[in-house]
Amino acid sequence: MRNQDVARLAGVLLDEVKPASLAELGHHADQAEGAVLTELEKRHIGDYYRVGDRFFLDDASFGDVVAVEDLRMSKGLGLHDQRLYDGT
């Protein structure tokens, strides 16, 4: 659980980072593409955190903590952090 990394990525204080569930993320479907949500539900990976209305995923397969809004699905890459591929 890397809630300190989440706080750093979100630019907030540690006490603003709250544990979240995949079900909670599903209720805020605008945070993720449909294909991303489907893949997260299928794989049951990582820990989720919420900061305000933003969600974050802590999963070792991504290395760093990643904002769910930055996740994308593609046939070539599978589930990936789009920031690694578009330079943002």
N, C-alpha and C. Protein backbone atom coordinates (compact mmCIF):
# COMPACT_ATOMS: atom_id res chain seq x y z
N MET A 1 0.85 -1.17 0.00
CA MET A 1 0.00 0.00 0.00
C MET A 1 0.89 1.23 0.00
N ARG A 2 0.80 1.97 -1.08
CA ARG A 2 1.67 3.13 -1.24
C ARG A 2 0.86 4.42 -1.22
N ASN A 3 0.13 4.62 -0.13
CA ASN A 3 -0.72 5.81 -0.07
C ASN A 3 0.09 7.10 -0.07
N GLN A 4 1.35 7.06 0.37
CA GLN A 4 2.20 8.25 0.29
C GLN A 4 2.50 8.60 -1.16
N ASP A 5 2.68 7.58 -2.00
CA ASP A 5 2.91 7.81 -3.43
C ASP A 5 1.66 8.40 -4.08
N VAL A 6 0.49 7.93 -3.65
CA VAL A 6 -0.76 8.47 -4.16
C VAL A 6 -0.86 9.95 -3.80
N ALA A 7 -0.57 10.28 -2.56
CA ALA A 7 -0.64 11.68 -2.12
C ALA A 7 0.31 12.54 -2.94
N ARG A 8 1.49 12.05 -3.19
CA ARG A 8 2.48 12.80 -3.98
C ARG A 8 1.98 13.00 -5.42
N LEU A 9 1.47 11.94 -6.04
CA LEU A 9 0.97 12.01 -7.41
C LEU A 9 -0.24 12.95 -7.52
N ALA A 10 -1.11 12.91 -6.52
CA ALA A 10 -2.32 13.74 -6.54
C ALA A 10 -2.05 15.16 -6.08
N GLY A 11 -0.89 15.38 -5.44
CA GLY A 11 -0.55 16.71 -4.95
C GLY A 11 -1.37 17.12 -3.74
N VAL A 12 -1.61 16.14 -2.85
CA VAL A 12 -2.43 16.40 -1.66
C VAL A 12 -1.70 15.90 -0.42
N LEU A 13 -2.25 16.23 0.74
CA LEU A 13 -1.73 15.72 2.01
C LEU A 13 -2.14 14.26 2.18
N LEU A 14 -1.34 13.51 2.91
CA LEU A 14 -1.58 12.09 3.11
C LEU A 14 -2.97 11.79 3.67
N ASP A 15 -3.47 12.62 4.57
CA ASP A 15 -4.77 12.34 5.17
C ASP A 15 -5.94 12.52 4.20
N GLU A 16 -5.69 13.02 3.00
CA GLU A 16 -6.74 13.16 1.99
C GLU A 16 -6.87 11.89 1.14
N VAL A 17 -5.93 10.96 1.29
CA VAL A 17 -5.94 9.71 0.53
C VAL A 17 -6.74 8.68 1.31
N LYS A 18 -7.78 8.15 0.67
CA LYS A 18 -8.66 7.18 1.31
C LYS A 18 -8.65 5.88 0.54
N PRO A 19 -8.69 4.75 1.23
CA PRO A 19 -8.82 3.47 0.53
C PRO A 19 -10.12 3.45 -0.25
N ALA A 20 -10.12 2.77 -1.38
CA ALA A 20 -11.33 2.66 -2.21
C ALA A 20 -11.42 1.23 -2.71
N SER A 21 -12.57 0.91 -3.25
CA SER A 21 -12.78 -0.42 -3.81
C SER A 21 -13.05 -0.32 -5.30
N LEU A 22 -12.92 -1.43 -5.97
CA LEU A 22 -13.23 -1.49 -7.38
C LEU A 22 -14.71 -1.18 -7.60
N ALA A 23 -15.55 -1.63 -6.69
CA ALA A 23 -16.99 -1.34 -6.79
C ALA A 23 -17.25 0.16 -6.72
N GLU A 24 -16.54 0.84 -5.84
CA GLU A 24 -16.67 2.29 -5.73
C GLU A 24 -16.23 2.97 -7.02
N LEU A 25 -15.14 2.50 -7.60
CA LEU A 25 -14.68 3.03 -8.88
C LEU A 25 -15.75 2.81 -9.95
N GLY A 26 -16.38 1.64 -9.94
CA GLY A 26 -17.43 1.34 -10.91
C GLY A 26 -18.59 2.31 -10.84
N HIS A 27 -18.86 2.85 -9.66
CA HIS A 27 -19.93 3.84 -9.50
C HIS A 27 -19.53 5.20 -10.06
N HIS A 28 -18.26 5.38 -10.33
CA HIS A 28 -17.73 6.62 -10.91
C HIS A 28 -17.11 6.27 -12.26
N ALA A 29 -17.89 5.65 -13.10
CA ALA A 29 -17.40 5.10 -14.37
C ALA A 29 -16.77 6.16 -15.27
N ASP A 30 -17.07 7.42 -15.05
CA ASP A 30 -16.46 8.47 -15.87
C ASP A 30 -14.97 8.59 -15.61
N GLN A 31 -14.46 7.95 -14.58
CA GLN A 31 -13.05 7.99 -14.25
C GLN A 31 -12.21 7.09 -15.16
N ALA A 32 -12.84 6.13 -15.81
CA ALA A 32 -12.08 5.17 -16.61
C ALA A 32 -12.86 4.80 -17.87
N GLU A 33 -12.12 4.49 -18.92
CA GLU A 33 -12.74 3.96 -20.13
C GLU A 33 -13.43 2.65 -19.80
N GLY A 34 -14.49 2.33 -20.52
CA GLY A 34 -15.21 1.09 -20.29
C GLY A 34 -14.33 -0.14 -20.38
N ALA A 35 -13.44 -0.16 -21.36
CA ALA A 35 -12.54 -1.31 -21.53
C ALA A 35 -11.57 -1.44 -20.36
N VAL A 36 -11.15 -0.30 -19.81
CA VAL A 36 -10.25 -0.32 -18.65
C VAL A 36 -10.98 -0.89 -17.45
N LEU A 37 -12.19 -0.42 -17.20
CA LEU A 37 -12.97 -0.92 -16.07
C LEU A 37 -13.22 -2.41 -16.20
N THR A 38 -13.55 -2.86 -17.39
CA THR A 38 -13.78 -4.28 -17.63
C THR A 38 -12.53 -5.09 -17.31
N GLU A 39 -11.37 -4.60 -17.75
CA GLU A 39 -10.11 -5.31 -17.49
C GLU A 39 -9.78 -5.32 -16.01
N LEU A 40 -9.98 -4.21 -15.32
CA LEU A 40 -9.72 -4.17 -13.89
C LEU A 40 -10.63 -5.14 -13.14
N GLU A 41 -11.89 -5.20 -13.54
CA GLU A 41 -12.83 -6.13 -12.90
C GLU A 41 -12.43 -7.57 -13.17
N LYS A 42 -11.97 -7.85 -14.37
CA LYS A 42 -11.59 -9.21 -14.76
C LYS A 42 -10.34 -9.67 -14.00
N ARG A 43 -9.37 -8.77 -13.85
CA ARG A 43 -8.08 -9.16 -13.27
C ARG A 43 -8.02 -9.04 -11.76
N HIS A 44 -8.90 -8.26 -11.15
CA HIS A 44 -8.89 -8.07 -9.69
C HIS A 44 -7.49 -7.73 -9.18
N ILE A 45 -6.91 -6.70 -9.75
CA ILE A 45 -5.52 -6.38 -9.40
C ILE A 45 -5.42 -5.18 -8.48
N GLY A 46 -4.37 -5.14 -7.70
CA GLY A 46 -3.96 -3.97 -6.95
C GLY A 46 -4.88 -3.46 -5.86
N ASP A 47 -4.45 -2.35 -5.31
CA ASP A 47 -5.20 -1.63 -4.29
C ASP A 47 -5.66 -0.32 -4.92
N TYR A 48 -6.82 0.15 -4.49
CA TYR A 48 -7.38 1.38 -5.02
C TYR A 48 -7.46 2.43 -3.93
N TYR A 49 -7.27 3.65 -4.36
CA TYR A 49 -7.35 4.80 -3.45
C TYR A 49 -8.21 5.88 -4.11
N ARG A 50 -8.78 6.70 -3.25
CA ARG A 50 -9.59 7.82 -3.75
C ARG A 50 -9.08 9.10 -3.11
N VAL A 51 -8.95 10.13 -3.94
CA VAL A 51 -8.61 11.47 -3.48
C VAL A 51 -9.66 12.39 -4.09
N GLY A 52 -10.59 12.86 -3.28
CA GLY A 52 -11.69 13.64 -3.82
C GLY A 52 -12.49 12.78 -4.77
N ASP A 53 -12.57 13.18 -6.03
CA ASP A 53 -13.31 12.38 -7.02
C ASP A 53 -12.38 11.64 -7.98
N ARG A 54 -11.10 11.57 -7.66
CA ARG A 54 -10.12 10.86 -8.48
C ARG A 54 -9.75 9.53 -7.84
N PHE A 55 -9.50 8.53 -8.69
CA PHE A 55 -9.11 7.21 -8.22
C PHE A 55 -7.71 6.87 -8.71
N PHE A 56 -7.01 6.08 -7.88
CA PHE A 56 -5.63 5.69 -8.18
C PHE A 56 -5.49 4.19 -7.96
N LEU A 57 -4.61 3.57 -8.76
CA LEU A 57 -4.34 2.15 -8.67
C LEU A 57 -2.90 1.94 -8.22
N ASP A 58 -2.73 1.10 -7.23
CA ASP A 58 -1.41 0.69 -6.76
C ASP A 58 -1.27 -0.78 -7.10
N ASP A 59 -0.53 -1.07 -8.16
CA ASP A 59 -0.31 -2.44 -8.59
C ASP A 59 1.12 -2.56 -9.09
N ALA A 60 1.83 -3.54 -8.60
CA ALA A 60 3.24 -3.69 -8.92
C ALA A 60 3.51 -3.84 -10.41
N SER A 61 2.54 -4.33 -11.18
CA SER A 61 2.78 -4.53 -12.61
C SER A 61 2.96 -3.20 -13.35
N PHE A 62 2.51 -2.10 -12.74
CA PHE A 62 2.68 -0.78 -13.35
C PHE A 62 3.90 -0.04 -12.80
N GLY A 63 4.53 -0.61 -11.78
CA GLY A 63 5.65 0.09 -11.16
C GLY A 63 5.14 1.18 -10.26
N ASP A 64 5.01 2.37 -10.79
CA ASP A 64 4.52 3.50 -10.01
C ASP A 64 3.01 3.42 -9.83
N VAL A 65 2.53 4.10 -8.79
CA VAL A 65 1.09 4.29 -8.63
C VAL A 65 0.60 5.07 -9.85
N VAL A 66 -0.59 4.73 -10.34
CA VAL A 66 -1.12 5.36 -11.54
C VAL A 66 -2.54 5.85 -11.29
N ALA A 67 -2.86 7.02 -11.83
CA ALA A 67 -4.23 7.53 -11.78
C ALA A 67 -5.07 6.69 -12.74
N VAL A 68 -6.22 6.23 -12.30
CA VAL A 68 -7.07 5.39 -13.14
C VAL A 68 -7.42 6.12 -14.43
N GLU A 69 -7.58 7.42 -14.36
CA GLU A 69 -7.91 8.19 -15.57
C GLU A 69 -6.81 8.13 -16.63
N ASP A 70 -5.60 7.72 -16.24
CA ASP A 70 -4.49 7.60 -17.18
C ASP A 70 -4.33 6.21 -17.77
N LEU A 71 -5.16 5.25 -17.33
CA LEU A 71 -5.08 3.89 -17.85
C LEU A 71 -5.83 3.78 -19.17
N ARG A 72 -5.28 2.99 -20.07
CA ARG A 72 -5.89 2.73 -21.36
C ARG A 72 -5.74 1.24 -21.68
N MET A 73 -6.61 0.76 -22.55
CA MET A 73 -6.53 -0.61 -23.07
C MET A 73 -6.25 -0.54 -24.56
N SER A 74 -5.35 -1.38 -25.02
CA SER A 74 -5.13 -1.51 -26.45
C SER A 74 -4.77 -2.95 -26.75
N LYS A 75 -4.99 -3.36 -27.99
CA LYS A 75 -4.68 -4.74 -28.36
C LYS A 75 -3.19 -5.02 -28.26
N GLY A 76 -2.37 -4.06 -28.64
CA GLY A 76 -0.93 -4.27 -28.62
C GLY A 76 -0.30 -4.20 -27.25
N LEU A 77 -0.80 -3.30 -26.42
CA LEU A 77 -0.18 -3.07 -25.11
C LEU A 77 -0.97 -3.67 -23.95
N GLY A 78 -2.21 -3.99 -24.16
CA GLY A 78 -3.05 -4.43 -23.06
C GLY A 78 -3.35 -3.24 -22.16
N LEU A 79 -3.50 -3.49 -20.88
CA LEU A 79 -3.76 -2.42 -19.91
C LEU A 79 -2.45 -1.69 -19.65
N HIS A 80 -2.44 -0.37 -19.87
CA HIS A 80 -1.19 0.37 -19.72
C HIS A 80 -1.46 1.81 -19.28
N ASP A 81 -0.41 2.44 -18.78
CA ASP A 81 -0.43 3.84 -18.37
C ASP A 81 -0.13 4.66 -19.61
N GLN A 82 -1.12 5.38 -20.12
CA GLN A 82 -0.95 6.12 -21.36
C GLN A 82 0.13 7.18 -21.27
N ARG A 83 0.44 7.68 -20.09
CA ARG A 83 1.48 8.70 -19.94
C ARG A 83 2.84 8.20 -20.40
N LEU A 84 3.06 6.89 -20.32
CA LEU A 84 4.33 6.31 -20.73
C LEU A 84 4.49 6.31 -22.25
N TYR A 85 3.38 6.46 -22.96
CA TYR A 85 3.41 6.34 -24.41
C TYR A 85 3.11 7.64 -25.14
N ASP A 86 2.59 8.64 -24.44
CA ASP A 86 2.32 9.91 -25.12
C ASP A 86 3.14 11.07 -24.56
N GLY A 87 4.03 10.76 -23.62
CA GLY A 87 4.96 11.78 -23.12
C GLY A 87 4.41 12.75 -22.12
N THR A 88 3.21 12.50 -21.55
CA THR A 88 2.65 13.42 -20.56
C THR A 88 2.99 12.98 -19.16
